[in-house]
Amino acid sequence: MKYNELQVNRNTRPTRAGRGIAAGRGKTAGRGTKGQKARTGHHKLPAGFMGGQRAIMQAIPKLKGFKSLHAKATVVYTDRLNDLTGKVDNFTLADHGLIESPYAKVKIISRGELTAKIDLETQFASKTAVAAIEKAGGSFKAVAVPQRIAQKDAE
């Protein structure tokens, strides 16, 4: 026989509160003396209730503002696109190290001079960036973020 295989039976009964002094939990039956929680019936109190004193949730300072759940777009500046040619999309930008992941939102912002003729296909671009791309002889097309291919589909 092992210690964890022992069959142990309870040798004490559960206590029955409010059954007289002899029972051990008589008179107030473990409810203390007086007050809302000592009475019978419905006495549900709101969370954080502190006896009429200001609740803990009201007492602690709060943080200003909010945090957006939407992921921000990765910014790429037009002067970084000068060494690219032809069709440029998220995968091309990731291959050249301009963005970390091809599956992230990308926004093109105008900065510096753009001389390369490119056909850009990303999610967003500022008006000045689109104007700079068209001035260099290229075009811009807004496309959806590329979706990852599931492993089951790839096999």
N, C-alpha and C. Protein backbone atom coordinates (compact mmCIF):
# COMPACT_ATOMS: atom_id res chain seq x y z
N MET A 1 0.84 -1.18 0.00
CA MET A 1 0.00 0.00 0.00
C MET A 1 0.89 1.25 0.00
N LYS A 2 0.45 2.23 -0.77
CA LYS A 2 1.19 3.48 -0.84
C LYS A 2 0.41 4.58 -0.14
N TYR A 3 1.12 5.64 0.23
CA TYR A 3 0.52 6.73 0.98
C TYR A 3 -0.61 7.40 0.19
N ASN A 4 -0.42 7.55 -1.13
CA ASN A 4 -1.45 8.20 -1.93
C ASN A 4 -2.62 7.28 -2.26
N GLU A 5 -2.52 5.99 -1.90
CA GLU A 5 -3.62 5.05 -2.16
C GLU A 5 -4.46 4.81 -0.92
N LEU A 6 -4.14 5.48 0.18
CA LEU A 6 -4.91 5.29 1.42
C LEU A 6 -6.34 5.77 1.24
N GLN A 7 -7.29 5.01 1.78
CA GLN A 7 -8.68 5.40 1.77
C GLN A 7 -8.98 6.08 3.10
N VAL A 8 -9.15 7.40 3.07
CA VAL A 8 -9.35 8.16 4.30
C VAL A 8 -10.80 8.63 4.35
N ASN A 9 -11.45 8.38 5.48
CA ASN A 9 -12.82 8.83 5.67
C ASN A 9 -12.85 10.00 6.64
N ARG A 10 -13.78 10.92 6.43
CA ARG A 10 -13.92 12.05 7.35
C ARG A 10 -14.38 11.55 8.70
N ASN A 11 -13.83 12.10 9.74
CA ASN A 11 -14.30 11.73 11.07
C ASN A 11 -15.01 12.90 11.75
N THR A 12 -15.26 13.97 10.99
CA THR A 12 -16.05 15.08 11.53
C THR A 12 -17.14 15.43 10.54
N ARG A 13 -18.29 15.80 11.07
CA ARG A 13 -19.39 16.22 10.22
C ARG A 13 -19.23 17.70 9.89
N PRO A 14 -19.83 18.17 8.78
CA PRO A 14 -19.79 19.60 8.49
C PRO A 14 -20.54 20.38 9.56
N THR A 15 -20.03 21.58 9.87
CA THR A 15 -20.67 22.37 10.93
C THR A 15 -21.99 22.93 10.44
N ARG A 16 -22.97 22.97 11.35
CA ARG A 16 -24.29 23.52 11.03
C ARG A 16 -24.43 24.81 11.80
N ALA A 17 -24.32 25.92 11.08
CA ALA A 17 -24.35 27.23 11.74
C ALA A 17 -25.76 27.57 12.20
N GLY A 18 -25.83 28.29 13.32
CA GLY A 18 -27.11 28.79 13.82
C GLY A 18 -27.98 27.73 14.46
N ARG A 19 -27.39 26.71 15.08
CA ARG A 19 -28.16 25.63 15.71
C ARG A 19 -27.92 25.56 17.21
N GLY A 20 -27.67 26.70 17.83
CA GLY A 20 -27.51 26.74 19.28
C GLY A 20 -26.06 26.80 19.72
N ILE A 21 -25.86 27.15 20.99
CA ILE A 21 -24.52 27.32 21.54
C ILE A 21 -23.73 26.03 21.49
N ALA A 22 -24.36 24.91 21.76
CA ALA A 22 -23.67 23.63 21.84
C ALA A 22 -23.09 23.22 20.48
N ALA A 23 -23.68 23.69 19.41
CA ALA A 23 -23.22 23.31 18.07
C ALA A 23 -21.90 23.99 17.71
N GLY A 24 -21.50 25.03 18.46
CA GLY A 24 -20.23 25.70 18.20
C GLY A 24 -20.34 26.92 17.30
N ARG A 25 -21.42 27.00 16.51
CA ARG A 25 -21.62 28.17 15.64
C ARG A 25 -23.01 28.73 15.87
N GLY A 26 -23.38 28.89 17.14
CA GLY A 26 -24.72 29.37 17.48
C GLY A 26 -24.79 30.88 17.52
N LYS A 27 -25.87 31.39 18.07
CA LYS A 27 -26.13 32.82 18.22
C LYS A 27 -25.98 33.57 16.90
N THR A 28 -24.86 34.22 16.62
CA THR A 28 -24.72 35.02 15.39
C THR A 28 -24.31 34.17 14.18
N ALA A 29 -23.97 32.90 14.39
CA ALA A 29 -23.66 31.95 13.32
C ALA A 29 -22.52 32.42 12.43
N GLY A 30 -21.49 33.04 13.01
CA GLY A 30 -20.32 33.45 12.24
C GLY A 30 -20.52 34.70 11.41
N ARG A 31 -21.65 35.41 11.62
CA ARG A 31 -21.92 36.62 10.83
C ARG A 31 -21.45 37.88 11.54
N GLY A 32 -20.88 37.78 12.70
CA GLY A 32 -20.48 38.97 13.44
C GLY A 32 -21.68 39.57 14.14
N THR A 33 -21.59 40.83 14.52
CA THR A 33 -22.68 41.47 15.25
C THR A 33 -23.23 42.64 14.47
N LYS A 34 -24.50 42.62 14.20
CA LYS A 34 -25.24 43.69 13.52
C LYS A 34 -24.70 44.04 12.13
N GLY A 35 -25.37 44.95 11.48
CA GLY A 35 -24.94 45.41 10.16
C GLY A 35 -25.70 44.74 9.04
N GLN A 36 -25.53 45.28 7.84
CA GLN A 36 -26.28 44.80 6.68
C GLN A 36 -25.99 43.34 6.36
N LYS A 37 -24.74 42.93 6.51
CA LYS A 37 -24.38 41.54 6.16
C LYS A 37 -24.75 40.55 7.24
N ALA A 38 -25.13 41.03 8.41
CA ALA A 38 -25.53 40.12 9.48
C ALA A 38 -27.01 39.74 9.37
N ARG A 39 -27.79 40.54 8.63
CA ARG A 39 -29.23 40.29 8.53
C ARG A 39 -29.53 39.20 7.52
N THR A 40 -30.71 38.61 7.64
CA THR A 40 -31.16 37.61 6.68
C THR A 40 -31.73 38.32 5.46
N GLY A 41 -31.93 37.57 4.41
CA GLY A 41 -32.52 38.12 3.20
C GLY A 41 -31.47 38.61 2.22
N HIS A 42 -31.95 39.33 1.23
CA HIS A 42 -31.08 39.77 0.14
C HIS A 42 -30.23 40.96 0.60
N HIS A 43 -28.92 40.78 0.61
CA HIS A 43 -28.03 41.88 1.00
C HIS A 43 -26.81 41.94 0.10
N LYS A 44 -27.06 41.87 -1.20
CA LYS A 44 -25.94 41.91 -2.14
C LYS A 44 -25.42 43.35 -2.25
N LEU A 45 -24.13 43.52 -2.10
CA LEU A 45 -23.52 44.83 -2.19
C LEU A 45 -22.71 44.94 -3.49
N PRO A 46 -22.63 46.14 -4.06
CA PRO A 46 -21.85 46.29 -5.29
C PRO A 46 -20.36 46.04 -5.04
N ALA A 47 -19.66 45.65 -6.09
CA ALA A 47 -18.22 45.41 -5.98
C ALA A 47 -17.53 46.70 -5.58
N GLY A 48 -16.64 46.62 -4.62
CA GLY A 48 -15.89 47.79 -4.18
C GLY A 48 -16.61 48.63 -3.15
N PHE A 49 -17.80 48.19 -2.70
CA PHE A 49 -18.54 48.95 -1.68
C PHE A 49 -17.76 48.92 -0.38
N MET A 50 -17.57 50.11 0.20
CA MET A 50 -16.76 50.22 1.42
C MET A 50 -17.55 50.91 2.52
N GLY A 51 -18.80 50.45 2.74
CA GLY A 51 -19.60 50.94 3.85
C GLY A 51 -20.03 52.38 3.71
N GLY A 52 -20.24 52.86 2.52
CA GLY A 52 -20.66 54.24 2.33
C GLY A 52 -19.50 55.19 2.08
N GLN A 53 -18.29 54.73 2.39
CA GLN A 53 -17.10 55.52 2.08
C GLN A 53 -16.88 55.45 0.56
N ARG A 54 -16.12 56.38 0.01
CA ARG A 54 -15.86 56.38 -1.43
C ARG A 54 -15.21 55.06 -1.84
N ALA A 55 -15.74 54.44 -2.89
CA ALA A 55 -15.26 53.13 -3.34
C ALA A 55 -13.82 53.23 -3.84
N ILE A 56 -13.10 52.12 -3.81
CA ILE A 56 -11.69 52.08 -4.20
C ILE A 56 -11.53 52.46 -5.67
N MET A 57 -12.50 52.09 -6.53
CA MET A 57 -12.41 52.42 -7.95
C MET A 57 -12.52 53.92 -8.18
N GLN A 58 -13.24 54.62 -7.31
CA GLN A 58 -13.36 56.07 -7.44
C GLN A 58 -12.15 56.78 -6.86
N ALA A 59 -11.47 56.13 -5.92
CA ALA A 59 -10.37 56.78 -5.21
C ALA A 59 -9.06 56.76 -6.00
N ILE A 60 -8.84 55.71 -6.82
CA ILE A 60 -7.55 55.60 -7.51
C ILE A 60 -7.52 56.50 -8.74
N PRO A 61 -6.35 57.06 -9.12
CA PRO A 61 -6.26 57.91 -10.30
C PRO A 61 -6.39 57.09 -11.58
N LYS A 62 -6.93 57.73 -12.59
CA LYS A 62 -7.15 57.06 -13.87
C LYS A 62 -6.15 57.57 -14.91
N LEU A 63 -5.89 56.74 -15.91
CA LEU A 63 -5.01 57.14 -17.02
C LEU A 63 -5.80 57.89 -18.07
N LYS A 64 -5.21 58.92 -18.62
CA LYS A 64 -5.89 59.72 -19.63
C LYS A 64 -5.85 59.03 -20.99
N GLY A 65 -6.85 59.34 -21.81
CA GLY A 65 -6.88 58.87 -23.18
C GLY A 65 -7.26 57.41 -23.31
N PHE A 66 -6.92 56.81 -24.45
CA PHE A 66 -7.23 55.41 -24.71
C PHE A 66 -6.16 54.82 -25.62
N LYS A 67 -6.12 53.51 -25.71
CA LYS A 67 -5.17 52.83 -26.59
C LYS A 67 -5.95 52.19 -27.73
N SER A 68 -5.61 52.54 -28.94
CA SER A 68 -6.31 52.01 -30.10
C SER A 68 -5.95 50.54 -30.32
N LEU A 69 -6.95 49.78 -30.76
CA LEU A 69 -6.74 48.36 -31.04
C LEU A 69 -6.26 48.14 -32.47
N HIS A 70 -6.34 49.19 -33.30
CA HIS A 70 -5.91 49.06 -34.69
C HIS A 70 -4.40 49.24 -34.80
N ALA A 71 -3.76 48.33 -35.51
CA ALA A 71 -2.30 48.42 -35.70
C ALA A 71 -1.99 49.60 -36.62
N LYS A 72 -0.99 50.40 -36.25
CA LYS A 72 -0.60 51.53 -37.07
C LYS A 72 0.15 51.05 -38.32
N ALA A 73 0.02 51.82 -39.37
CA ALA A 73 0.70 51.48 -40.61
C ALA A 73 2.19 51.79 -40.50
N THR A 74 3.01 50.96 -41.16
CA THR A 74 4.45 51.20 -41.22
C THR A 74 4.71 52.31 -42.24
N VAL A 75 5.47 53.30 -41.85
CA VAL A 75 5.72 54.45 -42.73
C VAL A 75 6.97 54.22 -43.57
N VAL A 76 6.85 54.49 -44.88
CA VAL A 76 7.99 54.45 -45.81
C VAL A 76 8.01 55.79 -46.54
N TYR A 77 9.17 56.43 -46.58
CA TYR A 77 9.30 57.74 -47.22
C TYR A 77 9.68 57.59 -48.69
N THR A 78 9.23 58.55 -49.50
CA THR A 78 9.44 58.45 -50.96
C THR A 78 10.91 58.48 -51.36
N ASP A 79 11.76 59.19 -50.61
CA ASP A 79 13.18 59.23 -50.99
C ASP A 79 13.88 57.88 -50.80
N ARG A 80 13.25 56.96 -50.05
CA ARG A 80 13.82 55.62 -49.88
C ARG A 80 13.45 54.70 -51.05
N LEU A 81 12.54 55.15 -51.92
CA LEU A 81 12.07 54.33 -53.04
C LEU A 81 12.89 54.54 -54.31
N ASN A 82 13.91 55.41 -54.28
CA ASN A 82 14.66 55.74 -55.49
C ASN A 82 15.44 54.57 -56.08
N ASP A 83 15.85 53.60 -55.24
CA ASP A 83 16.61 52.46 -55.77
C ASP A 83 15.72 51.30 -56.21
N LEU A 84 14.40 51.51 -56.27
CA LEU A 84 13.47 50.47 -56.73
C LEU A 84 12.96 50.83 -58.12
N THR A 85 12.58 49.81 -58.89
CA THR A 85 12.01 50.04 -60.22
C THR A 85 10.89 49.05 -60.47
N GLY A 86 10.03 49.38 -61.43
CA GLY A 86 8.94 48.47 -61.81
C GLY A 86 7.83 48.45 -60.78
N LYS A 87 7.20 47.26 -60.66
CA LYS A 87 6.10 47.09 -59.72
C LYS A 87 6.65 46.95 -58.30
N VAL A 88 6.14 47.77 -57.39
CA VAL A 88 6.58 47.74 -55.99
C VAL A 88 5.38 47.47 -55.11
N ASP A 89 5.44 46.37 -54.34
CA ASP A 89 4.37 46.05 -53.40
C ASP A 89 4.98 45.75 -52.03
N ASN A 90 4.17 45.23 -51.12
CA ASN A 90 4.65 44.94 -49.76
C ASN A 90 5.82 43.97 -49.76
N PHE A 91 5.78 42.97 -50.60
CA PHE A 91 6.85 41.96 -50.63
C PHE A 91 8.16 42.56 -51.14
N THR A 92 8.07 43.44 -52.14
CA THR A 92 9.27 44.11 -52.66
C THR A 92 9.90 45.00 -51.58
N LEU A 93 9.04 45.74 -50.86
CA LEU A 93 9.54 46.61 -49.79
C LEU A 93 10.19 45.79 -48.68
N ALA A 94 9.61 44.62 -48.37
CA ALA A 94 10.19 43.75 -47.32
C ALA A 94 11.52 43.16 -47.79
N ASP A 95 11.61 42.79 -49.06
CA ASP A 95 12.86 42.23 -49.60
C ASP A 95 14.01 43.25 -49.54
N HIS A 96 13.70 44.53 -49.75
CA HIS A 96 14.71 45.57 -49.71
C HIS A 96 14.95 46.13 -48.31
N GLY A 97 14.26 45.56 -47.30
CA GLY A 97 14.48 45.95 -45.90
C GLY A 97 13.84 47.26 -45.50
N LEU A 98 12.88 47.74 -46.28
CA LEU A 98 12.21 49.00 -45.94
C LEU A 98 11.09 48.79 -44.91
N ILE A 99 10.53 47.58 -44.86
CA ILE A 99 9.53 47.24 -43.84
C ILE A 99 9.91 45.87 -43.26
N GLU A 100 9.44 45.61 -42.03
CA GLU A 100 9.80 44.35 -41.37
C GLU A 100 9.04 43.16 -41.92
N SER A 101 7.73 43.33 -42.14
CA SER A 101 6.89 42.21 -42.57
C SER A 101 6.06 42.63 -43.78
N PRO A 102 5.93 41.76 -44.78
CA PRO A 102 5.09 42.11 -45.93
C PRO A 102 3.60 42.04 -45.60
N TYR A 103 3.25 41.52 -44.42
CA TYR A 103 1.84 41.36 -44.03
C TYR A 103 1.36 42.50 -43.14
N ALA A 104 2.11 43.60 -43.09
CA ALA A 104 1.74 44.77 -42.29
C ALA A 104 1.21 45.86 -43.22
N LYS A 105 0.40 46.77 -42.65
CA LYS A 105 -0.08 47.92 -43.42
C LYS A 105 1.09 48.85 -43.71
N VAL A 106 1.10 49.44 -44.91
CA VAL A 106 2.18 50.34 -45.30
C VAL A 106 1.59 51.66 -45.79
N LYS A 107 2.19 52.76 -45.33
CA LYS A 107 1.79 54.08 -45.81
C LYS A 107 3.02 54.79 -46.36
N ILE A 108 2.88 55.33 -47.56
CA ILE A 108 3.97 56.07 -48.21
C ILE A 108 3.77 57.56 -47.92
N ILE A 109 4.82 58.19 -47.40
CA ILE A 109 4.80 59.61 -47.05
C ILE A 109 5.85 60.34 -47.89
N SER A 110 5.50 61.53 -48.34
CA SER A 110 6.40 62.31 -49.19
C SER A 110 7.53 62.94 -48.37
N ARG A 111 8.76 62.74 -48.86
CA ARG A 111 9.94 63.37 -48.25
C ARG A 111 11.06 63.31 -49.29
N GLY A 112 11.71 64.41 -49.50
CA GLY A 112 12.82 64.43 -50.46
C GLY A 112 12.33 64.34 -51.90
N GLU A 113 13.25 63.97 -52.79
CA GLU A 113 12.98 63.91 -54.22
C GLU A 113 12.85 62.45 -54.67
N LEU A 114 11.81 62.16 -55.46
CA LEU A 114 11.62 60.82 -56.02
C LEU A 114 11.90 60.88 -57.51
N THR A 115 12.89 60.08 -57.95
CA THR A 115 13.26 60.09 -59.37
C THR A 115 12.92 58.78 -60.07
N ALA A 116 12.74 57.70 -59.32
CA ALA A 116 12.49 56.39 -59.91
C ALA A 116 11.05 56.27 -60.41
N LYS A 117 10.89 55.62 -61.58
CA LYS A 117 9.56 55.37 -62.12
C LYS A 117 9.07 54.03 -61.55
N ILE A 118 8.09 54.09 -60.65
CA ILE A 118 7.59 52.86 -60.00
C ILE A 118 6.08 52.80 -60.07
N ASP A 119 5.56 51.58 -60.16
CA ASP A 119 4.12 51.33 -60.05
C ASP A 119 3.88 50.77 -58.66
N LEU A 120 3.44 51.65 -57.76
CA LEU A 120 3.33 51.32 -56.33
C LEU A 120 1.96 50.72 -56.02
N GLU A 121 1.97 49.60 -55.29
CA GLU A 121 0.74 48.94 -54.84
C GLU A 121 0.86 48.67 -53.35
N THR A 122 0.43 49.65 -52.55
CA THR A 122 0.43 49.50 -51.09
C THR A 122 -0.95 49.90 -50.57
N GLN A 123 -1.08 49.94 -49.23
CA GLN A 123 -2.37 50.20 -48.62
C GLN A 123 -2.72 51.69 -48.61
N PHE A 124 -1.75 52.54 -48.26
CA PHE A 124 -2.02 53.97 -48.14
C PHE A 124 -0.88 54.79 -48.73
N ALA A 125 -1.19 56.01 -49.12
CA ALA A 125 -0.17 56.98 -49.56
C ALA A 125 -0.75 58.37 -49.40
N SER A 126 0.08 59.30 -48.96
CA SER A 126 -0.37 60.68 -48.81
C SER A 126 -0.56 61.29 -50.20
N LYS A 127 -1.36 62.39 -50.25
CA LYS A 127 -1.63 63.04 -51.54
C LYS A 127 -0.35 63.56 -52.18
N THR A 128 0.55 64.10 -51.35
CA THR A 128 1.80 64.63 -51.89
C THR A 128 2.71 63.50 -52.40
N ALA A 129 2.62 62.33 -51.73
CA ALA A 129 3.42 61.18 -52.18
C ALA A 129 2.90 60.67 -53.52
N VAL A 130 1.58 60.62 -53.68
CA VAL A 130 0.98 60.18 -54.95
C VAL A 130 1.36 61.15 -56.06
N ALA A 131 1.34 62.44 -55.74
CA ALA A 131 1.73 63.46 -56.73
C ALA A 131 3.19 63.29 -57.13
N ALA A 132 4.07 63.00 -56.18
CA ALA A 132 5.50 62.81 -56.47
C ALA A 132 5.72 61.57 -57.33
N ILE A 133 4.97 60.50 -57.05
CA ILE A 133 5.10 59.25 -57.83
C ILE A 133 4.64 59.49 -59.26
N GLU A 134 3.51 60.18 -59.44
CA GLU A 134 2.99 60.45 -60.79
C GLU A 134 3.89 61.43 -61.56
N LYS A 135 4.51 62.36 -60.84
CA LYS A 135 5.44 63.31 -61.46
C LYS A 135 6.67 62.59 -62.01
N ALA A 136 7.10 61.52 -61.31
CA ALA A 136 8.25 60.74 -61.75
C ALA A 136 7.89 59.74 -62.85
N GLY A 137 6.59 59.69 -63.22
CA GLY A 137 6.16 58.81 -64.31
C GLY A 137 5.60 57.48 -63.83
N GLY A 138 5.34 57.35 -62.56
CA GLY A 138 4.79 56.10 -62.02
C GLY A 138 3.32 56.21 -61.71
N SER A 139 2.81 55.21 -60.97
CA SER A 139 1.40 55.21 -60.59
C SER A 139 1.24 54.60 -59.21
N PHE A 140 0.11 54.93 -58.56
CA PHE A 140 -0.21 54.37 -57.23
C PHE A 140 -1.56 53.69 -57.28
N LYS A 141 -1.62 52.52 -56.65
CA LYS A 141 -2.88 51.78 -56.54
C LYS A 141 -3.00 51.28 -55.10
N ALA A 142 -4.13 51.59 -54.45
CA ALA A 142 -4.37 51.13 -53.08
C ALA A 142 -4.88 49.69 -53.13
N VAL A 143 -4.20 48.81 -52.39
CA VAL A 143 -4.58 47.39 -52.34
C VAL A 143 -4.73 46.95 -50.88
N ALA A 144 -5.38 45.81 -50.69
CA ALA A 144 -5.56 45.26 -49.34
C ALA A 144 -4.25 44.68 -48.82
N VAL A 145 -4.17 44.51 -47.52
CA VAL A 145 -2.98 43.89 -46.91
C VAL A 145 -2.91 42.44 -47.36
N PRO A 146 -1.75 41.94 -47.82
CA PRO A 146 -1.65 40.55 -48.24
C PRO A 146 -1.93 39.60 -47.08
N GLN A 147 -2.68 38.55 -47.35
CA GLN A 147 -3.03 37.57 -46.31
C GLN A 147 -1.99 36.45 -46.31
N ARG A 148 -1.70 35.95 -45.11
CA ARG A 148 -0.78 34.83 -44.98
C ARG A 148 -1.44 33.56 -45.52
N ILE A 149 -0.67 32.72 -46.18
CA ILE A 149 -1.19 31.45 -46.69
C ILE A 149 -1.09 30.42 -45.58
N ALA A 150 -2.20 29.74 -45.31
CA ALA A 150 -2.22 28.72 -44.25
C ALA A 150 -1.32 27.56 -44.62
N GLN A 151 -0.75 26.88 -43.62
CA GLN A 151 0.16 25.77 -43.86
C GLN A 151 -0.52 24.61 -44.60
N LYS A 152 -1.81 24.37 -44.32
CA LYS A 152 -2.53 23.26 -44.97
C LYS A 152 -2.67 23.52 -46.47
N ASP A 153 -2.93 24.80 -46.84
CA ASP A 153 -3.08 25.14 -48.25
C ASP A 153 -1.77 25.05 -49.01
N ALA A 154 -0.65 25.32 -48.33
CA ALA A 154 0.66 25.33 -48.97
C ALA A 154 1.14 23.92 -49.31
N GLU A 155 0.69 22.95 -48.56
CA GLU A 155 1.15 21.56 -48.78
C GLU A 155 0.41 20.87 -49.88
